[in-house]
PDB file of N, CA and C in Angstrom:
ATOM      1  N   MET A   1     103.861  71.356  68.916  1.00  0.00           N
ATOM      2  CA  MET A   1     103.715  72.825  68.522  1.00  0.00           C
ATOM      3  C   MET A   1     102.317  73.205  68.176  1.00  0.00           C
ATOM      4  N   LEU A   2     101.846  72.162  67.457  1.00  0.00           N
ATOM      5  CA  LEU A   2     100.301  72.488  67.133  1.00  0.00           C
ATOM      6  C   LEU A   2      99.286  72.540  68.215  1.00  0.00           C
ATOM      7  N   SER A   3      99.382  71.762  69.366  1.00  0.00           N
ATOM      8  CA  SER A   3      98.522  71.913  70.544  1.00  0.00           C
ATOM      9  C   SER A   3      98.755  73.109  71.248  1.00  0.00           C
ATOM     10  N   ILE A   4      99.950  73.803  71.368  1.00  0.00           N
ATOM     11  CA  ILE A   4      99.995  75.172  71.792  1.00  0.00           C
ATOM     12  C   ILE A   4      99.426  76.013  71.206  1.00  0.00           C
ATOM     13  N   ILE A   5      99.415  75.999  69.708  1.00  0.00           N
ATOM     14  CA  ILE A   5      98.608  77.189  69.126  1.00  0.00           C
ATOM     15  C   ILE A   5      97.150  76.928  69.371  1.00  0.00           C
ATOM     16  N   LYS A   6      96.411  75.817  69.758  1.00  0.00           N
ATOM     17  CA  LYS A   6      95.245  75.567  69.904  1.00  0.00           C
ATOM     18  C   LYS A   6      94.771  76.134  71.328  1.00  0.00           C
ATOM     19  N   GLN A   7      95.602  76.517  72.046  1.00  0.00           N
ATOM     20  CA  GLN A   7      95.195  76.923  73.445  1.00  0.00           C
ATOM     21  C   GLN A   7      95.387  78.452  73.490  1.00  0.00           C
ATOM     22  N   CYS A   8      94.621  78.809  74.554  1.00  0.00           N
ATOM     23  CA  CYS A   8      94.559  80.617  74.655  1.00  0.00           C
ATOM     24  C   CYS A   8      95.769  80.857  75.579  1.00  0.00           C
ATOM     25  N   ARG A   9      96.212  82.187  75.554  1.00  0.00           N
ATOM     26  CA  ARG A   9      97.228  82.385  76.248  1.00  0.00           C
ATOM     27  C   ARG A   9      97.138  82.174  77.847  1.00  0.00           C
ATOM     28  N   TYR A  10      96.041  82.205  78.330  1.00  0.00           N
ATOM     29  CA  TYR A  10      95.609  81.887  79.837  1.00  0.00           C
ATOM     30  C   TYR A  10      96.107  80.257  80.036  1.00  0.00           C
ATOM     31  N   ASP A  11      95.861  79.503  78.950  1.00  0.00           N
ATOM     32  CA  ASP A  11      96.160  77.989  79.274  1.00  0.00           C
ATOM     33  C   ASP A  11      97.550  77.953  79.719  1.00  0.00           C
ATOM     34  N   LEU A  12      98.443  78.773  78.843  1.00  0.00           N
ATOM     35  CA  LEU A  12     100.020  78.646  78.913  1.00  0.00           C
ATOM     36  C   LEU A  12     100.580  79.638  80.295  1.00  0.00           C
ATOM     37  N   MET A  13      99.934  80.236  81.100  1.00  0.00           N
ATOM     38  CA  MET A  13     100.197  81.046  82.116  1.00  0.00           C
ATOM     39  C   MET A  13     100.429  79.984  83.279  1.00  0.00           C
ATOM     40  N   GLU A  14     101.567  80.369  84.213  1.00  0.00           N
ATOM     41  CA  GLU A  14     101.596  79.705  85.518  1.00  0.00           C
ATOM     42  C   GLU A  14     100.700  80.132  86.318  1.00  0.00           C
ATOM     43  N   GLY A  15     100.350  79.540  87.437  1.00  0.00           N
ATOM     44  CA  GLY A  15      99.716  79.982  88.472  1.00  0.00           C
ATOM     45  C   GLY A  15     100.303  81.176  89.279  1.00  0.00           C
ATOM     46  N   GLN A  16     101.387  81.607  89.072  1.00  0.00           N
ATOM     47  CA  GLN A  16     102.282  82.746  89.761  1.00  0.00           C
ATOM     48  C   GLN A  16     103.454  82.851  89.021  1.00  0.00           C
ATOM     49  N   GLN A  17     104.222  84.132  89.300  1.00  0.00           N
ATOM     50  CA  GLN A  17     105.116  84.406  88.816  1.00  0.00           C
ATOM     51  C   GLN A  17     106.165  84.835  89.746  1.00  0.00           C
ATOM     52  N   ILE A  18     107.419  84.526  89.633  1.00  0.00           N
ATOM     53  CA  ILE A  18     108.479  84.480  90.760  1.00  0.00           C
ATOM     54  C   ILE A  18     109.467  85.192  89.591  1.00  0.00           C
ATOM     55  N   ASP A  19     110.048  86.177  90.627  1.00  0.00           N
ATOM     56  CA  ASP A  19     111.282  87.179  90.412  1.00  0.00           C
ATOM     57  C   ASP A  19     112.520  86.495  90.722  1.00  0.00           C
ATOM     58  N   GLY A  20     113.295  87.186  89.975  1.00  0.00           N
ATOM     59  CA  GLY A  20     115.021  86.690  90.345  1.00  0.00           C
ATOM     60  C   GLY A  20     115.150  86.819  91.895  1.00  0.00           C
ATOM     61  N   ASP A  21     114.552  87.720  92.699  1.00  0.00           N
ATOM     62  CA  ASP A  21     114.847  87.460  94.198  1.00  0.00           C
ATOM     63  C   ASP A  21     113.833  86.704  95.030  1.00  0.00           C
ATOM     64  N   PHE A  22     113.278  85.868  94.164  1.00  0.00           N
ATOM     65  CA  PHE A  22     112.144  85.014  94.486  1.00  0.00           C
ATOM     66  C   PHE A  22     110.963  85.689  95.252  1.00  0.00           C
ATOM     67  N   THR A  23     110.549  86.793  94.956  1.00  0.00           N
ATOM     68  CA  THR A  23     109.233  87.155  95.140  1.00  0.00           C
ATOM     69  C   THR A  23     108.143  86.661  94.365  1.00  0.00           C
ATOM     70  N   ILE A  24     106.977  86.222  95.293  1.00  0.00           N
ATOM     71  CA  ILE A  24     106.120  85.530  94.344  1.00  0.00           C
ATOM     72  C   ILE A  24     104.995  86.476  94.221  1.00  0.00           C
ATOM     73  N   TRP A  25     104.514  86.733  92.730  1.00  0.00           N
ATOM     74  CA  TRP A  25     103.506  87.567  92.340  1.00  0.00           C
ATOM     75  C   TRP A  25     102.255  86.673  92.061  1.00  0.00           C
ATOM     76  N   PRO A  26     101.074  87.159  92.475  1.00  0.00           N
ATOM     77  CA  PRO A  26      99.954  86.235  92.257  1.00  0.00           C
ATOM     78  C   PRO A  26      99.540  86.430  90.724  1.00  0.00           C
ATOM     79  N   ASP A  27      98.796  85.525  90.274  1.00  0.00           N
ATOM     80  CA  ASP A  27      98.540  85.350  88.939  1.00  0.00           C
ATOM     81  C   ASP A  27      97.207  86.194  88.734  1.00  0.00           C
ATOM     82  N   CYS A  28      97.135  86.897  87.640  1.00  0.00           N
ATOM     83  CA  CYS A  28      96.250  87.974  87.579  1.00  0.00           C
ATOM     84  C   CYS A  28      94.434  87.348  87.410  1.00  0.00           C
ATOM     85  N   LEU A  29      94.593  85.993  87.289  1.00  0.00           N
ATOM     86  CA  LEU A  29      93.532  85.254  86.991  1.00  0.00           C
ATOM     87  C   LEU A  29      92.895  84.748  88.531  1.00  0.00           C
ATOM     88  N   SER A  30      93.651  84.967  89.548  1.00  0.00           N
ATOM     89  CA  SER A  30      93.210  84.463  90.692  1.00  0.00           C
ATOM     90  C   SER A  30      92.891  85.676  91.938  1.00  0.00           C
ATOM     91  N   ILE A  31      92.414  86.773  91.316  1.00  0.00           N
ATOM     92  CA  ILE A  31      92.289  88.007  92.020  1.00  0.00           C
ATOM     93  C   ILE A  31      90.831  87.507  92.778  1.00  0.00           C
ATOM     94  N   ASP A  32      91.063  87.880  94.238  1.00  0.00           N
ATOM     95  CA  ASP A  32      90.061  87.791  95.017  1.00  0.00           C
ATOM     96  C   ASP A  32      89.250  89.172  95.115  1.00  0.00           C
ATOM     97  N   LEU A  33      88.219  89.021  94.307  1.00  0.00           N
ATOM     98  CA  LEU A  33      87.406  90.213  94.224  1.00  0.00           C
ATOM     99  C   LEU A  33      86.829  90.950  95.591  1.00  0.00           C
ATOM    100  N   ASP A  34      86.672  90.036  96.628  1.00  0.00           N
ATOM    101  CA  ASP A  34      86.163  90.467  97.863  1.00  0.00           C
ATOM    102  C   ASP A  34      87.245  91.056  98.566  1.00  0.00           C
ATOM    103  N   ASN A  35      88.479  91.260  98.205  1.00  0.00           N
ATOM    104  CA  ASN A  35      89.653  91.781  98.992  1.00  0.00           C
ATOM    105  C   ASN A  35      90.094  92.799  97.985  1.00  0.00           C
ATOM    106  N   PHE A  36      89.544  93.152  96.773  1.00  0.00           N
ATOM    107  CA  PHE A  36      90.218  94.204  95.556  1.00  0.00           C
ATOM    108  C   PHE A  36      89.976  95.417  96.260  1.00  0.00           C
ATOM    109  N   PRO A  37      91.018  96.141  96.319  1.00  0.00           N
ATOM    110  CA  PRO A  37      90.802  97.648  96.812  1.00  0.00           C
ATOM    111  C   PRO A  37      90.001  98.614  95.919  1.00  0.00           C
ATOM    112  N   ASP A  38      89.418  99.419  96.714  1.00  0.00           N
ATOM    113  CA  ASP A  38      88.486 100.400  95.823  1.00  0.00           C
ATOM    114  C   ASP A  38      88.717 101.814  96.599  1.00  0.00           C
ATOM    115  N   SER A  39      90.054 102.183  96.622  1.00  0.00           N
ATOM    116  CA  SER A  39      90.324 103.431  97.404  1.00  0.00           C
ATOM    117  C   SER A  39      89.830 104.548  96.433  1.00  0.00           C
ATOM    118  N   LYS A  40      89.766 104.491  95.191  1.00  0.00           N
ATOM    119  CA  LYS A  40      89.356 105.313  94.330  1.00  0.00           C
ATOM    120  C   LYS A  40      88.017 104.863  93.397  1.00  0.00           C
ATOM    121  N   PRO A  41      87.153 105.774  92.904  1.00  0.00           N
ATOM    122  CA  PRO A  41      86.096 105.055  92.162  1.00  0.00           C
ATOM    123  C   PRO A  41      86.572 104.602  90.834  1.00  0.00           C
ATOM    124  N   SER A  42      85.887 103.377  90.368  1.00  0.00           N
ATOM    125  CA  SER A  42      86.110 103.018  89.332  1.00  0.00           C
ATOM    126  C   SER A  42      85.487 104.086  88.220  1.00  0.00           C
ATOM    127  N   VAL A  43      85.889 104.004  86.892  1.00  0.00           N
ATOM    128  CA  VAL A  43      85.439 104.918  85.845  1.00  0.00           C
ATOM    129  C   VAL A  43      84.675 103.966  84.900  1.00  0.00           C
ATOM    130  N   ASN A  44      83.410 104.356  84.733  1.00  0.00           N
ATOM    131  CA  ASN A  44      82.433 103.704  83.662  1.00  0.00           C
ATOM    132  C   ASN A  44      82.883 104.220  82.360  1.00  0.00           C
ATOM    133  N   VAL A  45      83.218 103.340  81.314  1.00  0.00           N
ATOM    134  CA  VAL A  45      83.443 103.721  79.992  1.00  0.00           C
ATOM    135  C   VAL A  45      82.593 102.990  79.043  1.00  0.00           C
ATOM    136  N   PHE A  46      82.353 103.730  77.930  1.00  0.00           N
ATOM    137  CA  PHE A  46      81.559 103.092  76.720  1.00  0.00           C
ATOM    138  C   PHE A  46      82.839 102.801  75.797  1.00  0.00           C
ATOM    139  N   VAL A  47      82.508 101.405  75.267  1.00  0.00           N
ATOM    140  CA  VAL A  47      83.510 100.888  74.075  1.00  0.00           C
ATOM    141  C   VAL A  47      82.913 101.255  72.917  1.00  0.00           C
ATOM    142  N   TYR A  48      83.517 101.910  72.039  1.00  0.00           N
ATOM    143  CA  TYR A  48      83.570 102.274  70.715  1.00  0.00           C
ATOM    144  C   TYR A  48      84.032 101.258  69.619  1.00  0.00           C
ATOM    145  N   GLN A  49      83.697 101.289  68.400  1.00  0.00           N
ATOM    146  CA  GLN A  49      84.380 100.591  67.356  1.00  0.00           C
ATOM    147  C   GLN A  49      85.809 100.787  67.302  1.00  0.00           C
ATOM    148  N   GLU A  50      86.241 102.184  67.256  1.00  0.00           N
ATOM    149  CA  GLU A  50      87.597 102.298  67.119  1.00  0.00           C
ATOM    150  C   GLU A  50      88.547 101.860  68.447  1.00  0.00           C
ATOM    151  N   ASN A  51      87.666 101.599  69.495  1.00  0.00           N
ATOM    152  CA  ASN A  51      88.569 100.812  70.647  1.00  0.00           C
ATOM    153  C   ASN A  51      88.595  99.378  70.349  1.00  0.00           C
ATOM    154  N   VAL A  52      87.648  98.876  69.736  1.00  0.00           N
ATOM    155  CA  VAL A  52      87.858  97.482  69.501  1.00  0.00           C
ATOM    156  C   VAL A  52      88.928  97.113  68.362  1.00  0.00           C
ATOM    157  N   LEU A  53      89.348  97.996  67.695  1.00  0.00           N
ATOM    158  CA  LEU A  53      90.110  97.916  66.652  1.00  0.00           C
ATOM    159  C   LEU A  53      91.499  97.981  67.326  1.00  0.00           C
ATOM    160  N   ARG A  54      91.763  98.884  68.240  1.00  0.00           N
ATOM    161  CA  ARG A  54      93.195  99.121  68.934  1.00  0.00           C
ATOM    162  C   ARG A  54      92.725  99.139  70.485  1.00  0.00           C
ATOM    163  N   PRO A  55      92.530  98.079  71.095  1.00  0.00           N
ATOM    164  CA  PRO A  55      92.406  98.186  72.729  1.00  0.00           C
ATOM    165  C   PRO A  55      93.609  98.504  73.250  1.00  0.00           C
ATOM    166  N   ASP A  56      94.845  98.188  72.854  1.00  0.00           N
ATOM    167  CA  ASP A  56      96.002  99.097  73.402  1.00  0.00           C
ATOM    168  C   ASP A  56      95.860 100.328  73.386  1.00  0.00           C
ATOM    169  N   MET A  57      95.545 101.133  72.409  1.00  0.00           N
ATOM    170  CA  MET A  57      95.245 102.403  72.556  1.00  0.00           C
ATOM    171  C   MET A  57      94.102 102.944  73.465  1.00  0.00           C
ATOM    172  N   PHE A  58      93.080 102.216  73.336  1.00  0.00           N
ATOM    173  CA  PHE A  58      91.884 102.377  74.393  1.00  0.00           C
ATOM    174  C   PHE A  58      92.321 102.598  75.706  1.00  0.00           C
ATOM    175  N   PHE A  59      93.176 101.376  76.178  1.00  0.00           N
ATOM    176  CA  PHE A  59      93.604 101.331  77.602  1.00  0.00           C
ATOM    177  C   PHE A  59      94.609 102.331  77.983  1.00  0.00           C
ATOM    178  N   TYR A  60      95.564 102.515  76.748  1.00  0.00           N
ATOM    179  CA  TYR A  60      96.375 103.447  77.135  1.00  0.00           C
ATOM    180  C   TYR A  60      96.112 105.001  77.609  1.00  0.00           C
ATOM    181  N   LYS A  61      95.157 105.285  76.726  1.00  0.00           N
ATOM    182  CA  LYS A  61      94.584 106.721  76.693  1.00  0.00           C
ATOM    183  C   LYS A  61      93.788 106.904  77.963  1.00  0.00           C
ATOM    184  N   ARG A  62      92.958 105.778  78.449  1.00  0.00           N
ATOM    185  CA  ARG A  62      92.060 105.808  79.599  1.00  0.00           C
ATOM    186  C   ARG A  62      92.882 105.763  80.976  1.00  0.00           C
ATOM    187  N   MET A  63      93.878 104.773  80.882  1.00  0.00           N
ATOM    188  CA  MET A  63      94.449 104.671  82.078  1.00  0.00           C
ATOM    189  C   MET A  63      96.088 104.827  82.109  1.00  0.00           C
ATOM    190  N   GLY A  64      96.475 105.483  81.128  1.00  0.00           N
ATOM    191  CA  GLY A  64      97.829 105.727  81.116  1.00  0.00           C
ATOM    192  C   GLY A  64      98.897 104.637  80.857  1.00  0.00           C
ATOM    193  N   THR A  65      98.350 103.373  80.662  1.00  0.00           N
ATOM    194  CA  THR A  65      99.178 102.175  80.277  1.00  0.00           C
ATOM    195  C   THR A  65      98.202 101.048  79.728  1.00  0.00           C
ATOM    196  N   ASN A  66      98.885 100.318  79.048  1.00  0.00           N
ATOM    197  CA  ASN A  66      98.283  99.253  78.554  1.00  0.00           C
ATOM    198  C   ASN A  66      98.633  97.896  78.993  1.00  0.00           C
ATOM    199  N   ASN A  67      99.593  98.016  80.171  1.00  0.00           N
ATOM    200  CA  ASN A  67     100.250  96.765  80.851  1.00  0.00           C
ATOM    201  C   ASN A  67      99.081  96.130  81.599  1.00  0.00           C
ATOM    202  N   LEU A  68      97.985  96.695  82.022  1.00  0.00           N
ATOM    203  CA  LEU A  68      97.010  96.366  82.935  1.00  0.00           C
ATOM    204  C   LEU A  68      95.683  95.565  82.204  1.00  0.00           C
ATOM    205  N   GLU A  69      95.950  95.682  80.586  1.00  0.00           N
ATOM    206  CA  GLU A  69      94.743  95.351  79.895  1.00  0.00           C
ATOM    207  C   GLU A  69      94.044  94.047  80.066  1.00  0.00           C
ATOM    208  N   ASP A  70      94.889  93.081  80.264  1.00  0.00           N
ATOM    209  CA  ASP A  70      94.212  91.487  80.721  1.00  0.00           C
ATOM    210  C   ASP A  70      93.625  91.589  82.127  1.00  0.00           C
ATOM    211  N   ILE A  71      94.089  92.238  83.225  1.00  0.00           N
ATOM    212  CA  ILE A  71      93.427  92.311  84.394  1.00  0.00           C
ATOM    213  C   ILE A  71      92.091  93.193  84.209  1.00  0.00           C
ATOM    214  N   VAL A  72      92.194  94.070  83.757  1.00  0.00           N
ATOM    215  CA  VAL A  72      90.801  95.133  83.626  1.00  0.00           C
ATOM    216  C   VAL A  72      89.735  94.293  82.540  1.00  0.00           C
ATOM    217  N   LEU A  73      90.440  93.752  81.596  1.00  0.00           N
ATOM    218  CA  LEU A  73      89.323  92.944  80.927  1.00  0.00           C
ATOM    219  C   LEU A  73      88.631  91.977  81.628  1.00  0.00           C
ATOM    220  N   TRP A  74      89.566  91.008  82.326  1.00  0.00           N
ATOM    221  CA  TRP A  74      88.935  89.870  83.123  1.00  0.00           C
ATOM    222  C   TRP A  74      87.879  90.350  84.347  1.00  0.00           C
ATOM    223  N   LEU A  75      88.368  91.662  84.941  1.00  0.00           N
ATOM    224  CA  LEU A  75      87.653  92.363  85.815  1.00  0.00           C
ATOM    225  C   LEU A  75      86.209  92.231  85.323  1.00  0.00           C
ATOM    226  N   ASN A  76      86.003  92.859  84.064  1.00  0.00           N
ATOM    227  CA  ASN A  76      84.835  93.208  83.495  1.00  0.00           C
ATOM    228  C   ASN A  76      84.279  91.838  82.676  1.00  0.00           C
ATOM    229  N   GLY A  77      84.654  90.914  83.046  1.00  0.00           N
ATOM    230  CA  GLY A  77      84.013  89.370  82.273  1.00  0.00           C
ATOM    231  C   GLY A  77      84.345  89.324  80.934  1.00  0.00           C
ATOM    232  N   VAL A  78      85.380  89.989  80.577  1.00  0.00           N
ATOM    233  CA  VAL A  78      85.888  89.811  79.134  1.00  0.00           C
ATOM    234  C   VAL A  78      87.193  88.785  79.008  1.00  0.00           C
ATOM    235  N   SER A  79      87.169  87.806  78.448  1.00  0.00           N
ATOM    236  CA  SER A  79      88.210  86.948  78.534  1.00  0.00           C
ATOM    237  C   SER A  79      89.185  87.276  77.518  1.00  0.00           C
ATOM    238  N   SER A  80      88.944  88.151  76.759  1.00  0.00           N
ATOM    239  CA  SER A  80      90.270  88.300  75.764  1.00  0.00           C
ATOM    240  C   SER A  80      89.867  89.593  75.022  1.00  0.00           C
ATOM    241  N   ARG A  81      90.989  90.086  74.423  1.00  0.00           N
ATOM    242  CA  ARG A  81      90.712  91.442  73.837  1.00  0.00           C
ATOM    243  C   ARG A  81      89.877  91.293  72.543  1.00  0.00           C
ATOM    244  N   ARG A  82      90.006  89.867  72.031  1.00  0.00           N
ATOM    245  CA  ARG A  82      89.193  89.593  70.774  1.00  0.00           C
ATOM    246  C   ARG A  82      87.560  89.550  71.273  1.00  0.00           C
ATOM    247  N   ASP A  83      87.283  89.472  72.373  1.00  0.00           N
ATOM    248  CA  ASP A  83      85.958  89.560  72.972  1.00  0.00           C
ATOM    249  C   ASP A  83      85.452  90.929  73.153  1.00  0.00           C
ATOM    250  N   LEU A  84      86.316  92.056  73.082  1.00  0.00           N
ATOM    251  CA  LEU A  84      85.836  93.225  73.445  1.00  0.00           C
ATOM    252  C   LEU A  84      84.952  93.591  72.284  1.00  0.00           C
ATOM    253  N   LEU A  85      83.701  94.212  72.526  1.00  0.00           N
ATOM    254  CA  LEU A  85      82.770  94.541  71.621  1.00  0.00           C
ATOM    255  C   LEU A  85      82.213  95.980  71.783  1.00  0.00           C
ATOM    256  N   ALA A  86      82.078  96.467  70.607  1.00  0.00           N
ATOM    257  CA  ALA A  86      81.490  97.995  70.649  1.00  0.00           C
ATOM    258  C   ALA A  86      80.039  98.025  71.036  1.00  0.00           C
ATOM    259  N   GLY A  87      79.911  99.017  71.881  1.00  0.00           N
ATOM    260  CA  GLY A  87      78.453  99.131  72.659  1.00  0.00           C
ATOM    261  C   GLY A  87      78.855  98.739  74.003  1.00  0.00           C
ATOM    262  N   MET A  88      79.668  97.767  74.443  1.00  0.00           N
ATOM    263  CA  MET A  88      79.561  97.462  76.028  1.00  0.00           C
ATOM    264  C   MET A  88      80.182  98.615  76.812  1.00  0.00           C
ATOM    265  N   SER A  89      79.773  98.380  78.043  1.00  0.00           N
ATOM    266  CA  SER A  89      80.104  99.498  79.161  1.00  0.00           C
ATOM    267  C   SER A  89      81.269  98.615  80.070  1.00  0.00           C
ATOM    268  N   MET A  90      82.383  99.385  80.279  1.00  0.00           N
ATOM    269  CA  MET A  90      83.338  98.892  81.094  1.00  0.00           C
ATOM    270  C   MET A  90      83.689  99.572  82.569  1.00  0.00           C
ATOM    271  N   GLN A  91      84.179  98.929  83.394  1.00  0.00           N
ATOM    272  CA  GLN A  91      84.302  99.693  84.597  1.00  0.00           C
ATOM    273  C   GLN A  91      86.046  99.628  84.737  1.00  0.00           C
ATOM    274  N   LEU A  92      86.628 100.626  84.685  1.00  0.00           N
ATOM    275  CA  LEU A  92      88.253 100.789  84.839  1.00  0.00           C
ATOM    276  C   LEU A  92      88.635 101.315  86.095  1.00  0.00           C
ATOM    277  N   PRO A  93      89.211 100.416  86.863  1.00  0.00           N
ATOM    278  CA  PRO A  93      89.516 100.549  88.405  1.00  0.00           C
ATOM    279  C   PRO A  93      90.899 101.435  88.151  1.00  0.00           C
ATOM    280  N   ALA A  94      91.202 102.270  89.362  1.00  0.00           N
ATOM    281  CA  ALA A  94      92.521 103.333  89.473  1.00  0.00           C
ATOM    282  C   ALA A  94      93.664 102.258  89.274  1.00  0.00           C
ATOM    283  N   VAL A  95      94.512 102.560  88.409  1.00  0.00           N
ATOM    284  CA  VAL A  95      95.749 101.756  88.357  1.00  0.00           C
ATOM    285  C   VAL A  95      96.373 101.554  89.756  1.00  0.00           C
ATOM    286  N   SER A  96      96.374 102.626  90.680  1.00  0.00           N
ATOM    287  CA  SER A  96      96.835 102.477  92.061  1.00  0.00           C
ATOM    288  C   SER A  96      96.269 101.417  92.728  1.00  0.00           C
ATOM    289  N   ASP A  97      95.008 101.205  92.682  1.00  0.00           N
ATOM    290  CA  ASP A  97      94.356 100.037  93.128  1.00  0.00           C
ATOM    291  C   ASP A  97      94.865  98.788  92.635  1.00  0.00           C
ATOM    292  N   ILE A  98      94.818  98.583  91.307  1.00  0.00           N
ATOM    293  CA  ILE A  98      95.333  97.358  90.631  1.00  0.00           C
ATOM    294  C   ILE A  98      96.873  97.104  91.278  1.00  0.00           C
ATOM    295  N   ASN A  99      97.662  98.008  91.280  1.00  0.00           N
ATOM    296  CA  ASN A  99      99.001  97.990  91.622  1.00  0.00           C
ATOM    297  C   ASN A  99      99.255  97.474  92.959  1.00  0.00           C
ATOM    298  N   SER A 100      98.277  98.212  94.100  1.00  0.00           N
ATOM    299  CA  SER A 100      98.414  98.084  95.501  1.00  0.00           C
ATOM    300  C   SER A 100      97.876  96.577  95.756  1.00  0.00           C
ATOM    301  N   TYR A 101      96.822  95.849  94.973  1.00  0.00           N
ATOM    302  CA  TYR A 101      96.476  94.605  95.180  1.00  0.00           C
ATOM    303  C   TYR A 101      97.421  93.782  95.118  1.00  0.00           C
ATOM    304  N   PHE A 102      98.342  93.901  93.796  1.00  0.00           N
ATOM    305  CA  PHE A 102      99.297  92.926  93.489  1.00  0.00           C
ATOM    306  C   PHE A 102     100.588  93.182  94.615  1.00  0.00           C
ATOM    307  N   ILE A 103     100.681  94.221  94.965  1.00  0.00           N
ATOM    308  CA  ILE A 103     102.068  94.568  95.891  1.00  0.00           C
ATOM    309  C   ILE A 103     101.669  93.931  97.241  1.00  0.00           C
ATOM    310  N   ARG A 104     100.179  94.005  97.646  1.00  0.00           N
ATOM    311  CA  ARG A 104      99.693  93.664  99.185  1.00  0.00           C
ATOM    312  C   ARG A 104      99.635  92.001  99.078  1.00  0.00           C
ATOM    313  N   ASN A 105      99.592  91.391  98.087  1.00  0.00           N
ATOM    314  CA  ASN A 105      99.268  90.094  97.833  1.00  0.00           C
ATOM    315  C   ASN A 105     100.542  89.495  97.545  1.00  0.00           C
ATOM    316  N   ARG A 106     101.680  89.929  97.301  1.00  0.00           N
ATOM    317  CA  ARG A 106     103.035  89.151  96.721  1.00  0.00           C
ATOM    318  C   ARG A 106     103.469  88.363  98.170  1.00  0.00           C
ATOM    319  N   LYS A 107     104.219  87.496  98.006  1.00  0.00           N
ATOM    320  CA  LYS A 107     104.839  86.936  99.074  1.00  0.00           C
ATOM    321  C   LYS A 107     106.378  87.106  98.982  1.00  0.00           C
ATOM    322  N   LEU A 108     106.874  87.513  99.915  1.00  0.00           N
ATOM    323  CA  LEU A 108     108.308  87.808  99.865  1.00  0.00           C
ATOM    324  C   LEU A 108     109.017  86.594 100.455  1.00  0.00           C
ATOM    325  N   ASN A 109     110.184  86.384 100.014  1.00  0.00           N
ATOM    326  CA  ASN A 109     110.779  85.095 100.575  1.00  0.00           C
ATOM    327  C   ASN A 109     112.154  85.456 101.283  1.00  0.00           C
TER     328      ASN A 109
END
């Protein structure tokens, strides 16, 4: 149990997720940036101290969801919400682009 606590959450993730209908979804950390869609322009945002304290609210207000927080952080080179710093600038891709990437790259069995 102690070794699990020392690991970060990405160490515990599988390489992919499989639904009950055996649809295989790609792991968010294996995004091929060369094939990432950009049908809508990304929004450049400035991170304030209150955003660092409540990153869930930051993403919810800016994107309408906080379910994509890990993906957006990773795309911006931030490995964890604990590494989010006041004063940094981030690019927020469109939610539809993130969703279309995962839908397009799933494997149906």
